[in-house]
Amino acid sequence: MSVLTKKHKSYLLKYRTYAFTLDLFIITLLNKVIIQSYGLYLKTVFFHYPQAKQLEILAGIDKVFLGILSLLFVSYFTFSYYLGQGQTPGKIIFGIKIVDKNYNSPGIVASFLRTIGYIFCYITGLLLFALPYFTKKGSGFQDWFSRSSVVRTNSLLIPSAELVQFTGTTELEEEKIAA
């Protein structure tokens, strides 16, 4: 692996971590807004109930919290990848995207499989999220599971003092050349 390739891998790893963290923050904010809205809705609809009954109903929000968060997580990533041509809001900001083995935007199935890969990484105790840092090509479980890769786009919406100018070939381009 050349120095340039190591710089490119470092760039992708850093920005895919930042993008994923930003996406999780957005999901958390959306979940909070939905839960708060639901709580206000319940208070408005059941305002005529006694205070004790209102508190009992509001205590049930905890039961729907995980369901809403799970549905939001799957929907956010699946539809962002599919409708955003391989990019979530975080990936757009950090100038990276997901592509399939033919360098095309992922389809709905690949987008869903990538999301399932994320869920599997969570279930296994988050250790699989560190996998890209230890593999030669910087691929993680979600990349293998959905047969996709993270690549750099030419548009970075945030300023960076240490931008790496990549002029080599990507892993997908190298596979096309070898074929």
Protein backbone atom coordinates (compact mmCIF):
# COMPACT_ATOMS: atom_id res chain seq x y z
CA MET A 1 0.00 0.00 0.00
CA SER A 2 1.56 3.29 -1.06
CA VAL A 3 1.68 6.47 1.00
CA LEU A 4 -1.01 8.02 -1.19
CA THR A 5 -3.29 5.04 -0.62
CA LYS A 6 -2.73 5.28 3.13
CA LYS A 7 -3.65 8.97 3.01
CA HIS A 8 -6.78 8.16 1.02
CA LYS A 9 -7.74 5.41 3.47
CA SER A 10 -7.13 7.78 6.39
CA TYR A 11 -9.30 10.43 4.71
CA LEU A 12 -12.16 7.98 4.17
CA LEU A 13 -11.96 6.51 7.66
CA LYS A 14 -11.93 9.91 9.31
CA TYR A 15 -14.80 11.36 7.32
CA ARG A 16 -16.94 8.23 7.37
CA THR A 17 -16.64 8.26 11.18
CA TYR A 18 -17.59 11.94 11.31
CA ALA A 19 -20.48 11.43 8.87
CA PHE A 20 -21.87 8.43 10.75
CA THR A 21 -21.65 10.31 14.04
CA LEU A 22 -23.48 13.28 12.52
CA ASP A 23 -26.16 10.96 11.12
CA LEU A 24 -26.65 9.37 14.54
CA PHE A 25 -26.97 12.85 16.05
CA ILE A 26 -29.64 13.73 13.46
CA ILE A 27 -31.52 10.50 14.22
CA THR A 28 -31.37 11.25 17.95
CA LEU A 29 -32.70 14.77 17.38
CA LEU A 30 -35.51 13.50 15.17
CA ASN A 31 -36.40 10.87 17.74
CA LYS A 32 -36.47 13.49 20.49
CA VAL A 33 -38.75 15.74 18.43
CA ILE A 34 -41.12 12.85 17.68
CA ILE A 35 -41.27 11.74 21.32
CA GLN A 36 -41.83 15.31 22.56
CA SER A 37 -44.54 15.87 19.94
CA TYR A 38 -46.22 12.62 20.92
CA GLY A 39 -46.11 13.65 24.59
CA LEU A 40 -47.68 17.02 23.79
CA TYR A 41 -50.31 15.31 21.66
CA LEU A 42 -51.23 13.00 24.52
CA LYS A 43 -51.45 15.93 26.95
CA THR A 44 -53.74 17.80 24.55
CA VAL A 45 -56.02 14.87 23.79
CA PHE A 46 -56.31 13.64 27.37
CA PHE A 47 -56.43 17.04 29.10
CA HIS A 48 -59.82 16.22 30.66
CA TYR A 49 -58.49 13.07 32.36
CA PRO A 50 -57.44 13.23 36.01
CA GLN A 51 -53.78 14.12 36.63
CA ALA A 52 -52.90 10.59 37.79
CA LYS A 53 -54.32 9.03 34.62
CA GLN A 54 -52.47 11.57 32.43
CA LEU A 55 -49.19 10.69 34.12
CA GLU A 56 -49.90 6.98 33.63
CA ILE A 57 -50.50 7.52 29.91
CA LEU A 58 -47.35 9.66 29.57
CA ALA A 59 -45.32 6.97 31.34
CA GLY A 60 -46.13 4.68 28.42
CA ILE A 61 -43.96 6.82 26.12
CA ASP A 62 -40.95 4.81 27.30
CA LYS A 63 -42.51 1.71 25.76
CA VAL A 64 -42.71 3.25 22.30
CA PHE A 65 -39.34 5.05 22.48
CA LEU A 66 -37.22 2.10 21.32
CA GLY A 67 -39.70 1.17 18.58
CA ILE A 68 -39.71 4.70 17.18
CA LEU A 69 -35.91 4.92 17.40
CA SER A 70 -35.51 1.58 15.57
CA LEU A 71 -37.97 2.51 12.84
CA LEU A 72 -36.35 5.92 12.46
CA PHE A 73 -32.85 4.39 12.25
CA VAL A 74 -33.79 1.87 9.54
CA SER A 75 -35.85 4.41 7.57
CA TYR A 76 -33.25 7.17 7.80
CA PHE A 77 -30.33 5.13 6.49
CA THR A 78 -32.24 3.01 3.97
CA PHE A 79 -34.05 5.90 2.33
CA SER A 80 -31.15 8.33 2.58
CA TYR A 81 -28.87 5.90 0.75
CA TYR A 82 -31.51 5.02 -1.82
CA LEU A 83 -33.01 8.45 -2.48
CA GLY A 84 -29.78 10.37 -1.83
CA GLN A 85 -27.80 8.37 -4.39
CA GLY A 86 -25.63 6.74 -1.73
CA GLN A 87 -25.42 9.73 0.59
CA THR A 88 -26.93 10.57 3.95
CA PRO A 89 -26.91 14.19 5.14
CA GLY A 90 -23.71 13.42 7.07
CA LYS A 91 -22.02 11.91 4.01
CA ILE A 92 -23.05 14.89 1.88
CA ILE A 93 -21.47 17.31 4.35
CA PHE A 94 -18.25 15.30 4.58
CA GLY A 95 -17.92 14.60 0.86
CA ILE A 96 -18.25 10.81 0.76
CA LYS A 97 -20.81 8.40 -0.65
CA ILE A 98 -21.72 4.74 -0.92
CA VAL A 99 -21.38 2.96 -4.25
CA ASP A 100 -21.97 -0.62 -5.33
CA LYS A 101 -19.40 -2.84 -7.01
CA ASN A 102 -20.14 -1.22 -10.41
CA TYR A 103 -19.59 2.26 -8.98
CA ASN A 104 -23.33 3.05 -9.13
CA SER A 105 -25.54 4.39 -6.38
CA PRO A 106 -26.93 1.56 -4.25
CA GLY A 107 -30.40 0.22 -4.91
CA ILE A 108 -33.08 -0.19 -2.28
CA VAL A 109 -31.95 -3.73 -1.40
CA ALA A 110 -28.29 -2.75 -0.97
CA SER A 111 -29.35 0.29 1.07
CA PHE A 112 -31.46 -1.90 3.34
CA LEU A 113 -28.72 -4.53 3.66
CA ARG A 114 -26.22 -1.84 4.66
CA THR A 115 -28.63 -0.66 7.35
CA ILE A 116 -29.05 -4.24 8.59
CA GLY A 117 -25.24 -4.43 8.68
CA TYR A 118 -25.20 -1.38 10.97
CA ILE A 119 -27.74 -3.03 13.26
CA PHE A 120 -25.65 -6.21 13.39
CA CYS A 121 -22.62 -4.10 14.33
CA TYR A 122 -24.60 -2.64 17.24
CA ILE A 123 -25.84 -6.06 18.37
CA THR A 124 -22.29 -7.40 18.52
CA GLY A 125 -21.21 -4.68 20.92
CA LEU A 126 -19.96 -2.03 18.48
CA LEU A 127 -16.70 -3.89 17.83
CA LEU A 128 -17.50 -4.42 14.17
CA PHE A 129 -17.65 -0.65 13.65
CA ALA A 130 -13.89 -0.57 14.26
CA LEU A 131 -13.25 -3.16 11.54
CA PRO A 132 -12.48 -0.61 8.77
CA TYR A 133 -9.53 0.64 10.81
CA PHE A 134 -7.92 -2.82 10.72
CA THR A 135 -8.68 -4.07 7.19
CA LYS A 136 -6.33 -3.35 4.32
CA LYS A 137 -8.98 -1.72 2.14
CA GLY A 138 -10.80 0.02 4.98
CA SER A 139 -13.97 -2.02 4.49
CA GLY A 140 -16.34 -2.76 7.33
CA PHE A 141 -18.94 -5.43 7.95
CA GLN A 142 -21.69 -3.22 6.51
CA ASP A 143 -19.60 -2.80 3.33
CA TRP A 144 -19.19 -6.54 2.91
CA PHE A 145 -22.79 -7.33 3.81
CA SER A 146 -24.22 -4.90 1.25
CA ARG A 147 -21.40 -5.36 -1.29
CA SER A 148 -20.73 -1.64 -1.34
CA SER A 149 -17.85 0.73 -0.70
CA VAL A 150 -17.34 4.23 0.65
CA VAL A 151 -15.75 6.58 -1.86
CA ARG A 152 -14.83 10.23 -1.88
CA THR A 153 -16.87 12.75 -3.85
CA ASN A 154 -15.45 16.00 -5.14
CA SER A 155 -17.74 18.12 -2.99
CA LEU A 156 -16.84 18.70 0.64
CA LEU A 157 -19.24 21.06 2.38
CA ILE A 158 -16.98 21.72 5.35
CA PRO A 159 -13.62 23.46 5.30
CA SER A 160 -10.62 21.32 6.15
CA ALA A 161 -7.03 22.39 6.70
CA GLU A 162 -5.77 18.90 5.93
CA LEU A 163 -7.60 17.95 2.76
CA VAL A 164 -5.96 15.10 0.94
CA GLN A 165 -5.87 15.52 -2.81
CA PHE A 166 -6.46 12.03 -4.13
CA THR A 167 -5.24 11.49 -7.66
CA GLY A 168 -4.87 7.71 -7.65
CA THR A 169 -7.46 5.05 -8.31
CA THR A 170 -10.08 3.82 -5.90
CA GLU A 171 -10.44 0.21 -4.86
CA LEU A 172 -13.38 -0.22 -7.28
CA GLU A 173 -11.42 1.26 -10.18
CA GLU A 174 -8.50 -1.07 -9.37
CA GLU A 175 -10.87 -4.07 -9.50
CA LYS A 176 -12.17 -2.91 -12.92
CA ILE A 177 -8.61 -2.57 -14.22
CA ALA A 178 -7.69 -6.03 -12.92
CA ALA A 179 -10.77 -7.63 -14.54
